[in-house]
C-alpha atoms as a PDB file:
ATOM      1  CA  UNK A   1     374.401  82.515  28.532  1.00  0.00           C
ATOM      2  CA  UNK A   2     377.041  82.306  31.262  1.00  0.00           C
ATOM      3  CA  UNK A   3     380.680  81.817  30.241  1.00  0.00           C
ATOM      4  CA  UNK A   4     382.033  78.723  31.946  1.00  0.00           C
ATOM      5  CA  UNK A   5     385.535  78.733  30.459  1.00  0.00           C
ATOM      6  CA  UNK A   6     387.346  82.017  29.956  1.00  0.00           C
ATOM      7  CA  UNK A   7     390.414  81.661  27.732  1.00  0.00           C
ATOM      8  CA  UNK A   8     391.829  85.081  28.524  1.00  0.00           C
ATOM      9  CA  UNK A   9     395.370  84.873  29.861  1.00  0.00           C
ATOM     10  CA  UNK A  10     395.530  84.481  33.623  1.00  0.00           C
ATOM     11  CA  UNK A  11     391.808  83.809  34.024  1.00  0.00           C
ATOM     12  CA  UNK A  12     390.859  80.693  35.954  1.00  0.00           C
ATOM     13  CA  UNK A  13     387.827  78.714  34.728  1.00  0.00           C
ATOM     14  CA  UNK A  14     384.733  79.505  36.789  1.00  0.00           C
ATOM     15  CA  UNK A  15     383.801  75.825  36.924  1.00  0.00           C
ATOM     16  CA  UNK A  16     386.986  73.794  36.337  1.00  0.00           C
ATOM     17  CA  UNK A  17     385.243  70.544  37.217  1.00  0.00           C
ATOM     18  CA  UNK A  18     382.816  71.041  34.300  1.00  0.00           C
ATOM     19  CA  UNK A  19     385.382  71.735  31.560  1.00  0.00           C
ATOM     20  CA  UNK A  20     385.279  68.220  30.096  1.00  0.00           C
ATOM     21  CA  UNK A  21     381.533  67.744  30.348  1.00  0.00           C
ATOM     22  CA  UNK A  22     379.690  67.619  27.021  1.00  0.00           C
ATOM     23  CA  UNK A  23     377.888  70.766  25.951  1.00  0.00           C
ATOM     24  CA  UNK A  24     374.119  70.802  26.237  1.00  0.00           C
ATOM     25  CA  UNK A  25     372.397  73.739  24.581  1.00  0.00           C
ATOM     26  CA  UNK A  26     369.640  75.098  26.852  1.00  0.00           C
ATOM     27  CA  UNK A  27     366.200  75.029  25.216  1.00  0.00           C
ATOM     28  CA  UNK A  28     364.484  78.289  24.307  1.00  0.00           C
ATOM     29  CA  UNK A  29     362.679  79.739  27.296  1.00  0.00           C
ATOM     30  CA  UNK A  30     358.897  79.972  27.100  1.00  0.00           C
ATOM     31  CA  UNK A  31     357.155  83.325  27.450  1.00  0.00           C
ATOM     32  CA  UNK A  32     356.341  82.800  31.118  1.00  0.00           C
ATOM     33  CA  UNK A  33     360.059  82.580  31.991  1.00  0.00           C
ATOM     34  CA  UNK A  34     361.380  85.684  30.259  1.00  0.00           C
ATOM     35  CA  UNK A  35     362.216  88.772  32.307  1.00  0.00           C
ATOM     36  CA  UNK A  36     363.313  92.319  31.516  1.00  0.00           C
ATOM     37  CA  UNK A  37     366.968  93.303  31.670  1.00  0.00           C
ATOM     38  CA  UNK A  38     367.843  95.356  34.773  1.00  0.00           C
ATOM     39  CA  UNK A  39     368.221  99.052  33.934  1.00  0.00           C
ATOM     40  CA  UNK A  40     366.412 101.167  36.555  1.00  0.00           C
ATOM     41  CA  UNK A  41     367.837 103.716  38.980  1.00  0.00           C
ATOM     42  CA  UNK A  42     366.934 101.531  41.946  1.00  0.00           C
ATOM     43  CA  UNK A  43     368.978  98.692  40.477  1.00  0.00           C
ATOM     44  CA  UNK A  44     372.007 100.941  40.023  1.00  0.00           C
ATOM     45  CA  UNK A  45     371.667 102.310  43.562  1.00  0.00           C
ATOM     46  CA  UNK A  46     371.547  98.798  45.041  1.00  0.00           C
ATOM     47  CA  UNK A  47     374.592  97.746  43.038  1.00  0.00           C
ATOM     48  CA  UNK A  48     376.491 100.818  44.202  1.00  0.00           C
ATOM     49  CA  UNK A  49     375.879  99.958  47.871  1.00  0.00           C
ATOM     50  CA  UNK A  50     376.888  96.325  47.373  1.00  0.00           C
ATOM     51  CA  UNK A  51     380.129  97.464  45.725  1.00  0.00           C
ATOM     52  CA  UNK A  52     380.747 100.102  48.417  1.00  0.00           C
ATOM     53  CA  UNK A  53     380.934  97.409  51.085  1.00  0.00           C
ATOM     54  CA  UNK A  54     382.735  94.845  48.880  1.00  0.00           C
ATOM     55  CA  UNK A  55     379.967  92.305  49.295  1.00  0.00           C
ATOM     56  CA  UNK A  56     378.871  89.370  47.171  1.00  0.00           C
ATOM     57  CA  UNK A  57     375.266  88.540  46.366  1.00  0.00           C
ATOM     58  CA  UNK A  58     373.726  85.285  45.263  1.00  0.00           C
ATOM     59  CA  UNK A  59     371.637  87.394  42.882  1.00  0.00           C
ATOM     60  CA  UNK A  60     374.739  88.056  40.781  1.00  0.00           C
ATOM     61  CA  UNK A  61     376.832  84.950  41.430  1.00  0.00           C
ATOM     62  CA  UNK A  62     374.011  82.500  40.731  1.00  0.00           C
ATOM     63  CA  UNK A  63     372.617  84.498  37.798  1.00  0.00           C
ATOM     64  CA  UNK A  64     369.155  84.933  39.328  1.00  0.00           C
ATOM     65  CA  UNK A  65     366.524  85.905  36.741  1.00  0.00           C
ATOM     66  CA  UNK A  66     364.773  88.155  39.272  1.00  0.00           C
ATOM     67  CA  UNK A  67     367.732  90.446  39.945  1.00  0.00           C
ATOM     68  CA  UNK A  68     366.253  93.370  38.013  1.00  0.00           C
ATOM     69  CA  UNK A  69     362.958  93.330  39.891  1.00  0.00           C
ATOM     70  CA  UNK A  70     364.491  92.713  43.319  1.00  0.00           C
ATOM     71  CA  UNK A  71     367.371  95.188  43.078  1.00  0.00           C
ATOM     72  CA  UNK A  72     365.056  97.889  41.777  1.00  0.00           C
ATOM     73  CA  UNK A  73     363.389  97.602  45.207  1.00  0.00           C
ATOM     74  CA  UNK A  74     366.766  97.383  47.048  1.00  0.00           C
ATOM     75  CA  UNK A  75     366.200  93.711  47.890  1.00  0.00           C
ATOM     76  CA  UNK A  76     369.605  92.048  47.616  1.00  0.00           C
ATOM     77  CA  UNK A  77     370.473  88.640  49.068  1.00  0.00           C
ATOM     78  CA  UNK A  78     373.876  88.811  50.726  1.00  0.00           C
ATOM     79  CA  UNK A  79     376.228  85.900  50.023  1.00  0.00           C
ATOM     80  CA  UNK A  80     378.842  85.652  52.763  1.00  0.00           C
ATOM     81  CA  UNK A  81     382.180  83.831  53.127  1.00  0.00           C
ATOM     82  CA  UNK A  82     383.426  84.695  49.651  1.00  0.00           C
ATOM     83  CA  UNK A  83     382.406  83.979  46.070  1.00  0.00           C
ATOM     84  CA  UNK A  84     383.976  80.522  45.751  1.00  0.00           C
ATOM     85  CA  UNK A  85     382.210  77.319  46.800  1.00  0.00           C
ATOM     86  CA  UNK A  86     383.839  74.043  47.830  1.00  0.00           C
ATOM     87  CA  UNK A  87     381.026  72.026  46.242  1.00  0.00           C
ATOM     88  CA  UNK A  88     380.408  71.435  42.539  1.00  0.00           C
ATOM     89  CA  UNK A  89     376.646  71.111  42.167  1.00  0.00           C
ATOM     90  CA  UNK A  90     375.527  70.495  38.602  1.00  0.00           C
ATOM     91  CA  UNK A  91     372.803  73.149  38.732  1.00  0.00           C
ATOM     92  CA  UNK A  92     374.661  76.044  40.342  1.00  0.00           C
ATOM     93  CA  UNK A  93     376.486  78.940  38.694  1.00  0.00           C
ATOM     94  CA  UNK A  94     378.494  79.998  41.774  1.00  0.00           C
ATOM     95  CA  UNK A  95     382.237  79.677  41.183  1.00  0.00           C
ATOM     96  CA  UNK A  96     383.880  76.502  42.529  1.00  0.00           C
ATOM     97  CA  UNK A  97     387.362  75.973  43.923  1.00  0.00           C
ATOM     98  CA  UNK A  98     389.403  76.603  47.054  1.00  0.00           C
ATOM     99  CA  UNK A  99     388.062  79.703  48.847  1.00  0.00           C
ATOM    100  CA  UNK A 100     390.180  82.335  50.529  1.00  0.00           C
ATOM    101  CA  UNK A 101     390.172  83.190  54.241  1.00  0.00           C
ATOM    102  CA  UNK A 102     387.087  84.671  55.867  1.00  0.00           C
ATOM    103  CA  UNK A 103     386.861  88.459  56.006  1.00  0.00           C
ATOM    104  CA  UNK A 104     386.575  89.412  59.715  1.00  0.00           C
ATOM    105  CA  UNK A 105     384.955  92.721  58.709  1.00  0.00           C
ATOM    106  CA  UNK A 106     382.238  91.102  56.610  1.00  0.00           C
ATOM    107  CA  UNK A 107     379.606  90.845  59.390  1.00  0.00           C
ATOM    108  CA  UNK A 108     379.810  94.592  59.986  1.00  0.00           C
ATOM    109  CA  UNK A 109     379.801  95.316  56.260  1.00  0.00           C
ATOM    110  CA  UNK A 110     376.641  93.226  55.787  1.00  0.00           C
ATOM    111  CA  UNK A 111     374.974  95.080  58.658  1.00  0.00           C
ATOM    112  CA  UNK A 112     376.021  98.473  57.263  1.00  0.00           C
ATOM    113  CA  UNK A 113     374.681  97.614  53.800  1.00  0.00           C
ATOM    114  CA  UNK A 114     371.428  96.323  55.335  1.00  0.00           C
ATOM    115  CA  UNK A 115     370.965  99.656  57.079  1.00  0.00           C
ATOM    116  CA  UNK A 116     371.878 101.720  54.027  1.00  0.00           C
ATOM    117  CA  UNK A 117     369.489  99.719  51.839  1.00  0.00           C
ATOM    118  CA  UNK A 118     366.811 100.274  54.510  1.00  0.00           C
ATOM    119  CA  UNK A 119     365.864  96.608  54.485  1.00  0.00           C
ATOM    120  CA  UNK A 120     362.993  95.575  56.744  1.00  0.00           C
ATOM    121  CA  UNK A 121     363.825  91.916  55.991  1.00  0.00           C
ATOM    122  CA  UNK A 122     367.250  90.678  54.925  1.00  0.00           C
ATOM    123  CA  UNK A 123     368.257  87.302  53.499  1.00  0.00           C
ATOM    124  CA  UNK A 124     371.798  86.073  54.133  1.00  0.00           C
ATOM    125  CA  UNK A 125     373.147  83.015  52.340  1.00  0.00           C
ATOM    126  CA  UNK A 126     376.619  81.652  51.703  1.00  0.00           C
ATOM    127  CA  UNK A 127     378.816  79.423  49.635  1.00  0.00           C
ATOM    128  CA  UNK A 128     379.615  75.986  51.054  1.00  0.00           C
ATOM    129  CA  UNK A 129     382.784  76.101  53.139  1.00  0.00           C
ATOM    130  CA  UNK A 130     383.739  72.465  53.699  1.00  0.00           C
ATOM    131  CA  UNK A 131     387.290  73.696  54.320  1.00  0.00           C
ATOM    132  CA  UNK A 132     386.273  75.288  57.649  1.00  0.00           C
ATOM    133  CA  UNK A 133     385.982  73.243  60.840  1.00  0.00           C
ATOM    134  CA  UNK A 134     382.459  74.519  61.503  1.00  0.00           C
ATOM    135  CA  UNK A 135     381.429  75.049  57.875  1.00  0.00           C
ATOM    136  CA  UNK A 136     381.220  78.783  58.563  1.00  0.00           C
ATOM    137  CA  UNK A 137     378.554  78.545  61.257  1.00  0.00           C
ATOM    138  CA  UNK A 138     380.311  80.984  63.599  1.00  0.00           C
ATOM    139  CA  UNK A 139     380.562  83.490  60.744  1.00  0.00           C
ATOM    140  CA  UNK A 140     376.807  83.192  60.138  1.00  0.00           C
ATOM    141  CA  UNK A 141     376.246  83.825  63.834  1.00  0.00           C
ATOM    142  CA  UNK A 142     378.500  86.877  63.734  1.00  0.00           C
ATOM    143  CA  UNK A 143     376.567  88.291  60.767  1.00  0.00           C
ATOM    144  CA  UNK A 144     373.261  87.791  62.615  1.00  0.00           C
ATOM    145  CA  UNK A 145     374.607  89.574  65.713  1.00  0.00           C
ATOM    146  CA  UNK A 146     375.945  92.485  63.660  1.00  0.00           C
ATOM    147  CA  UNK A 147     372.646  93.003  61.845  1.00  0.00           C
ATOM    148  CA  UNK A 148     370.694  92.821  65.106  1.00  0.00           C
ATOM    149  CA  UNK A 149     372.989  95.414  66.699  1.00  0.00           C
ATOM    150  CA  UNK A 150     372.793  97.908  63.826  1.00  0.00           C
ATOM    151  CA  UNK A 151     369.283  97.174  62.499  1.00  0.00           C
ATOM    152  CA  UNK A 152     367.227  95.925  65.470  1.00  0.00           C
ATOM    153  CA  UNK A 153     363.914  96.235  63.585  1.00  0.00           C
ATOM    154  CA  UNK A 154     365.083  94.208  60.581  1.00  0.00           C
ATOM    155  CA  UNK A 155     363.991  90.586  60.453  1.00  0.00           C
ATOM    156  CA  UNK A 156     366.681  88.116  59.403  1.00  0.00           C
ATOM    157  CA  UNK A 157     366.426  85.050  57.181  1.00  0.00           C
ATOM    158  CA  UNK A 158     369.393  82.752  56.692  1.00  0.00           C
ATOM    159  CA  UNK A 159     369.800  80.294  53.833  1.00  0.00           C
ATOM    160  CA  UNK A 160     372.548  77.982  55.042  1.00  0.00           C
ATOM    161  CA  UNK A 161     374.594  75.148  53.564  1.00  0.00           C
ATOM    162  CA  UNK A 162     374.022  71.665  54.959  1.00  0.00           C
ATOM    163  CA  UNK A 163     376.953  71.786  57.443  1.00  0.00           C
ATOM    164  CA  UNK A 164     377.596  68.162  56.506  1.00  0.00           C
ATOM    165  CA  UNK A 165     379.701  66.429  59.188  1.00  0.00           C
ATOM    166  CA  UNK A 166     380.117  69.737  61.077  1.00  0.00           C
ATOM    167  CA  UNK A 167     379.077  68.855  64.608  1.00  0.00           C
ATOM    168  CA  UNK A 168     377.536  71.735  66.538  1.00  0.00           C
ATOM    169  CA  UNK A 169     377.254  74.016  63.501  1.00  0.00           C
ATOM    170  CA  UNK A 170     373.484  74.463  63.473  1.00  0.00           C
ATOM    171  CA  UNK A 171     373.520  75.037  67.235  1.00  0.00           C
ATOM    172  CA  UNK A 172     375.997  77.866  66.666  1.00  0.00           C
ATOM    173  CA  UNK A 173     373.761  79.535  64.066  1.00  0.00           C
ATOM    174  CA  UNK A 174     370.712  79.150  66.309  1.00  0.00           C
ATOM    175  CA  UNK A 175     372.422  80.607  69.401  1.00  0.00           C
ATOM    176  CA  UNK A 176     370.955  83.990  68.414  1.00  0.00           C
ATOM    177  CA  UNK A 177     368.199  82.596  66.233  1.00  0.00           C
ATOM    178  CA  UNK A 178     367.311  84.190  62.897  1.00  0.00           C
ATOM    179  CA  UNK A 179     363.659  84.852  62.164  1.00  0.00           C
ATOM    180  CA  UNK A 180     363.712  82.242  59.373  1.00  0.00           C
ATOM    181  CA  UNK A 181     366.093  79.310  58.956  1.00  0.00           C
ATOM    182  CA  UNK A 182     366.187  78.133  55.353  1.00  0.00           C
ATOM    183  CA  UNK A 183     368.038  75.214  53.855  1.00  0.00           C
ATOM    184  CA  UNK A 184     367.141  74.006  50.373  1.00  0.00           C
ATOM    185  CA  UNK A 185     366.768  70.343  49.475  1.00  0.00           C
ATOM    186  CA  UNK A 186     366.983  71.493  45.832  1.00  0.00           C
ATOM    187  CA  UNK A 187     365.872  68.240  44.181  1.00  0.00           C
ATOM    188  CA  UNK A 188     364.466  64.771  44.784  1.00  0.00           C
ATOM    189  CA  UNK A 189     366.717  62.117  46.387  1.00  0.00           C
ATOM    190  CA  UNK A 190     367.039  60.037  43.197  1.00  0.00           C
ATOM    191  CA  UNK A 191     368.817  62.936  41.470  1.00  0.00           C
ATOM    192  CA  UNK A 192     371.243  63.842  44.269  1.00  0.00           C
ATOM    193  CA  UNK A 193     374.184  61.891  42.861  1.00  0.00           C
ATOM    194  CA  UNK A 194     374.064  63.740  39.551  1.00  0.00           C
ATOM    195  CA  UNK A 195     372.690  67.139  40.627  1.00  0.00           C
ATOM    196  CA  UNK A 196     373.933  67.665  44.195  1.00  0.00           C
ATOM    197  CA  UNK A 197     376.731  65.089  44.574  1.00  0.00           C
ATOM    198  CA  UNK A 198     378.459  66.650  47.580  1.00  0.00           C
ATOM    199  CA  UNK A 199     375.290  66.628  49.681  1.00  0.00           C
ATOM    200  CA  UNK A 200     373.152  63.969  51.333  1.00  0.00           C
ATOM    201  CA  UNK A 201     369.363  64.202  51.143  1.00  0.00           C
ATOM    202  CA  UNK A 202     368.649  62.836  54.603  1.00  0.00           C
ATOM    203  CA  UNK A 203     371.401  64.932  56.187  1.00  0.00           C
ATOM    204  CA  UNK A 204     369.655  68.025  54.837  1.00  0.00           C
ATOM    205  CA  UNK A 205     366.331  66.825  56.244  1.00  0.00           C
ATOM    206  CA  UNK A 206     367.946  66.186  59.633  1.00  0.00           C
ATOM    207  CA  UNK A 207     369.416  69.693  59.629  1.00  0.00           C
ATOM    208  CA  UNK A 208     365.958  71.226  59.199  1.00  0.00           C
ATOM    209  CA  UNK A 209     364.472  68.927  61.824  1.00  0.00           C
ATOM    210  CA  UNK A 210     367.289  69.783  64.255  1.00  0.00           C
ATOM    211  CA  UNK A 211     366.387  73.478  64.029  1.00  0.00           C
ATOM    212  CA  UNK A 212     362.929  72.602  65.346  1.00  0.00           C
ATOM    213  CA  UNK A 213     364.490  70.522  68.132  1.00  0.00           C
ATOM    214  CA  UNK A 214     366.487  73.581  69.189  1.00  0.00           C
ATOM    215  CA  UNK A 215     363.567  76.005  68.889  1.00  0.00           C
ATOM    216  CA  UNK A 216     360.120  74.602  68.211  1.00  0.00           C
ATOM    217  CA  UNK A 217     358.834  78.096  67.385  1.00  0.00           C
ATOM    218  CA  UNK A 218     361.482  78.811  64.752  1.00  0.00           C
ATOM    219  CA  UNK A 219     360.247  79.277  61.211  1.00  0.00           C
ATOM    220  CA  UNK A 220     361.908  76.805  58.845  1.00  0.00           C
ATOM    221  CA  UNK A 221     361.909  76.902  55.085  1.00  0.00           C
ATOM    222  CA  UNK A 222     363.157  74.818  52.179  1.00  0.00           C
ATOM    223  CA  UNK A 223     363.179  75.030  48.400  1.00  0.00           C
ATOM    224  CA  UNK A 224     362.881  72.656  45.477  1.00  0.00           C
ATOM    225  CA  UNK A 225     363.675  73.041  41.783  1.00  0.00           C
ATOM    226  CA  UNK A 226     361.606  71.293  39.133  1.00  0.00           C
ATOM    227  CA  UNK A 227     362.387  70.604  35.498  1.00  0.00           C
ATOM    228  CA  UNK A 228     365.381  68.329  36.185  1.00  0.00           C
ATOM    229  CA  UNK A 229     363.635  65.068  35.376  1.00  0.00           C
ATOM    230  CA  UNK A 230     361.853  64.457  38.666  1.00  0.00           C
ATOM    231  CA  UNK A 231     358.375  62.899  38.705  1.00  0.00           C
ATOM    232  CA  UNK A 232     355.274  64.313  40.344  1.00  0.00           C
ATOM    233  CA  UNK A 233     355.265  61.409  42.798  1.00  0.00           C
ATOM    234  CA  UNK A 234     358.852  62.160  43.802  1.00  0.00           C
ATOM    235  CA  UNK A 235     358.015  65.814  44.433  1.00  0.00           C
ATOM    236  CA  UNK A 236     355.073  64.778  46.602  1.00  0.00           C
ATOM    237  CA  UNK A 237     357.349  62.486  48.616  1.00  0.00           C
ATOM    238  CA  UNK A 238     359.765  65.372  49.211  1.00  0.00           C
ATOM    239  CA  UNK A 239     356.831  67.430  50.477  1.00  0.00           C
ATOM    240  CA  UNK A 240     355.919  64.630  52.892  1.00  0.00           C
ATOM    241  CA  UNK A 241     359.528  64.354  54.074  1.00  0.00           C
ATOM    242  CA  UNK A 242     359.686  68.099  54.712  1.00  0.00           C
ATOM    243  CA  UNK A 243     356.462  68.040  56.694  1.00  0.00           C
ATOM    244  CA  UNK A 244     357.837  65.157  58.751  1.00  0.00           C
ATOM    245  CA  UNK A 245     360.819  67.436  59.467  1.00  0.00           C
ATOM    246  CA  UNK A 246     358.273  70.098  60.559  1.00  0.00           C
ATOM    247  CA  UNK A 247     359.208  72.582  57.836  1.00  0.00           C
ATOM    248  CA  UNK A 248     356.817  75.545  57.657  1.00  0.00           C
ATOM    249  CA  UNK A 249     357.490  77.128  54.280  1.00  0.00           C
ATOM    250  CA  UNK A 250     358.109  75.527  50.880  1.00  0.00           C
ATOM    251  CA  UNK A 251     359.300  77.247  47.699  1.00  0.00           C
ATOM    252  CA  UNK A 252     359.121  75.554  44.287  1.00  0.00           C
ATOM    253  CA  UNK A 253     360.634  77.090  41.160  1.00  0.00           C
ATOM    254  CA  UNK A 254     361.768  76.239  37.649  1.00  0.00           C
ATOM    255  CA  UNK A 255     365.370  75.105  37.175  1.00  0.00           C
ATOM    256  CA  UNK A 256     367.181  77.256  34.615  1.00  0.00           C
ATOM    257  CA  UNK A 257     370.399  75.977  33.059  1.00  0.00           C
ATOM    258  CA  UNK A 258     373.210  78.508  33.691  1.00  0.00           C
ATOM    259  CA  UNK A 259     375.464  77.290  30.865  1.00  0.00           C
ATOM    260  CA  UNK A 260     376.039  74.521  28.337  1.00  0.00           C
ATOM    261  CA  UNK A 261     378.161  72.688  30.916  1.00  0.00           C
ATOM    262  CA  UNK A 262     375.492  72.533  33.610  1.00  0.00           C
ATOM    263  CA  UNK A 263     372.741  69.952  34.064  1.00  0.00           C
ATOM    264  CA  UNK A 264     370.241  70.216  31.213  1.00  0.00           C
ATOM    265  CA  UNK A 265     366.682  71.450  31.589  1.00  0.00           C
ATOM    266  CA  UNK A 266     364.528  68.390  31.019  1.00  0.00           C
ATOM    267  CA  UNK A 267     361.359  70.429  30.641  1.00  0.00           C
ATOM    268  CA  UNK A 268     359.777  73.778  31.415  1.00  0.00           C
ATOM    269  CA  UNK A 269     356.966  73.243  33.886  1.00  0.00           C
ATOM    270  CA  UNK A 270     353.919  75.355  32.912  1.00  0.00           C
ATOM    271  CA  UNK A 271     352.380  77.813  35.418  1.00  0.00           C
ATOM    272  CA  UNK A 272     349.265  75.705  35.932  1.00  0.00           C
ATOM    273  CA  UNK A 273     351.382  72.804  37.182  1.00  0.00           C
ATOM    274  CA  UNK A 274     353.023  75.112  39.704  1.00  0.00           C
ATOM    275  CA  UNK A 275     349.581  76.152  40.895  1.00  0.00           C
ATOM    276  CA  UNK A 276     348.661  72.498  41.341  1.00  0.00           C
ATOM    277  CA  UNK A 277     351.886  71.797  43.266  1.00  0.00           C
ATOM    278  CA  UNK A 278     351.174  74.775  45.493  1.00  0.00           C
ATOM    279  CA  UNK A 279     347.690  73.467  46.262  1.00  0.00           C
ATOM    280  CA  UNK A 280     349.101  70.034  47.068  1.00  0.00           C
ATOM    281  CA  UNK A 281     351.698  71.514  49.403  1.00  0.00           C
ATOM    282  CA  UNK A 282     349.141  73.609  51.264  1.00  0.00           C
ATOM    283  CA  UNK A 283     346.919  70.544  51.643  1.00  0.00           C
ATOM    284  CA  UNK A 284     349.866  68.713  53.216  1.00  0.00           C
ATOM    285  CA  UNK A 285     350.072  71.331  55.964  1.00  0.00           C
ATOM    286  CA  UNK A 286     352.735  73.870  55.004  1.00  0.00           C
ATOM    287  CA  UNK A 287     351.977  77.252  56.573  1.00  0.00           C
ATOM    288  CA  UNK A 288     353.289  79.040  53.494  1.00  0.00           C
ATOM    289  CA  UNK A 289     353.926  77.952  49.910  1.00  0.00           C
ATOM    290  CA  UNK A 290     355.401  79.886  47.001  1.00  0.00           C
ATOM    291  CA  UNK A 291     355.287  77.951  43.735  1.00  0.00           C
ATOM    292  CA  UNK A 292     355.795  79.567  40.338  1.00  0.00           C
ATOM    293  CA  UNK A 293     358.271  79.383  37.440  1.00  0.00           C
ATOM    294  CA  UNK A 294     360.334  82.318  38.766  1.00  0.00           C
ATOM    295  CA  UNK A 295     360.090  81.488  42.469  1.00  0.00           C
ATOM    296  CA  UNK A 296     363.473  81.484  44.195  1.00  0.00           C
ATOM    297  CA  UNK A 297     364.318  81.107  47.894  1.00  0.00           C
ATOM    298  CA  UNK A 298     364.636  84.816  48.575  1.00  0.00           C
ATOM    299  CA  UNK A 299     362.152  86.087  45.972  1.00  0.00           C
ATOM    300  CA  UNK A 300     359.629  88.336  47.765  1.00  0.00           C
ATOM    301  CA  UNK A 301     361.063  87.000  51.037  1.00  0.00           C
ATOM    302  CA  UNK A 302     359.986  90.000  53.109  1.00  0.00           C
ATOM    303  CA  UNK A 303     356.359  89.879  51.979  1.00  0.00           C
ATOM    304  CA  UNK A 304     356.338  86.106  52.385  1.00  0.00           C
ATOM    305  CA  UNK A 305     357.675  86.387  55.949  1.00  0.00           C
ATOM    306  CA  UNK A 306     354.797  88.685  56.862  1.00  0.00           C
ATOM    307  CA  UNK A 307     352.349  86.149  55.404  1.00  0.00           C
ATOM    308  CA  UNK A 308     354.119  83.341  57.263  1.00  0.00           C
ATOM    309  CA  UNK A 309     353.655  85.142  60.591  1.00  0.00           C
ATOM    310  CA  UNK A 310     350.020  85.807  59.768  1.00  0.00           C
ATOM    311  CA  UNK A 311     349.465  82.153  58.865  1.00  0.00           C
ATOM    312  CA  UNK A 312     350.850  81.022  62.203  1.00  0.00           C
ATOM    313  CA  UNK A 313     348.641  83.471  64.085  1.00  0.00           C
ATOM    314  CA  UNK A 314     345.638  82.216  62.125  1.00  0.00           C
ATOM    315  CA  UNK A 315     346.208  78.655  63.356  1.00  0.00           C
ATOM    316  CA  UNK A 316     346.801  79.836  66.896  1.00  0.00           C
ATOM    317  CA  UNK A 317     350.590  79.290  66.939  1.00  0.00           C
END
């Protein structure tokens, strides 16, 4: 269970906007959700490299359940632009507040860590930075350039914020295009006001569609959580909306409640329902689908990218 309010002297609450929300005790996780605690040498080695370059990872900040498995294989998802987000999404465990200034050395540090971890595929995400004129798009672009310069054989996947009302931001990121452009819709439009209040569903769809306008051959990707109270019909409509936006790759995973102050888990979706959702998504035309209780945006991202390329070749793209 994540601590939301720390009463130690001088410690700022991790989620100050959630302090006065009523507590909701997360339900007991079913067997198919439970994972082993990270203890292996590979995990420790990955953590050492992340610390060496003073980097943040979404694996740690968001409390990802797959951190043990991924870090054991040196697969860490870099989270750039600090550890503090300007949004206050009800599902997310990343700290909220006013972020500090950007670190001008971060792009080179990300590239150096990518090389030291010997990553063949790297995923770079970020906090939301509504305080910046471009939402941090130029910083994303700088990270991409630094990785390309130091690790020319490494493929790059970015998981960006929505750049809401940041004109020209996506064009900046796509100036030296990543191999995969990912932006998560997260949930169905009916739940945006309560789950993702700082975002706009159709703005996120337009962002993904704009990437295809800039580069029709770019791989685009988006993710959806289930277990928040959405209906099957609503999930199917999101799939249709994403296909209309020409998105290639869909991930679907179980929402897990980070703390008593976060949005409650309405239900744990059983594995067979994920299999059915995956079949539906493939029938709707996605080149690649990953749907399982523990699926996350960057989970097995390298292997999935290889399959995504193969799927495009198979259809003659």
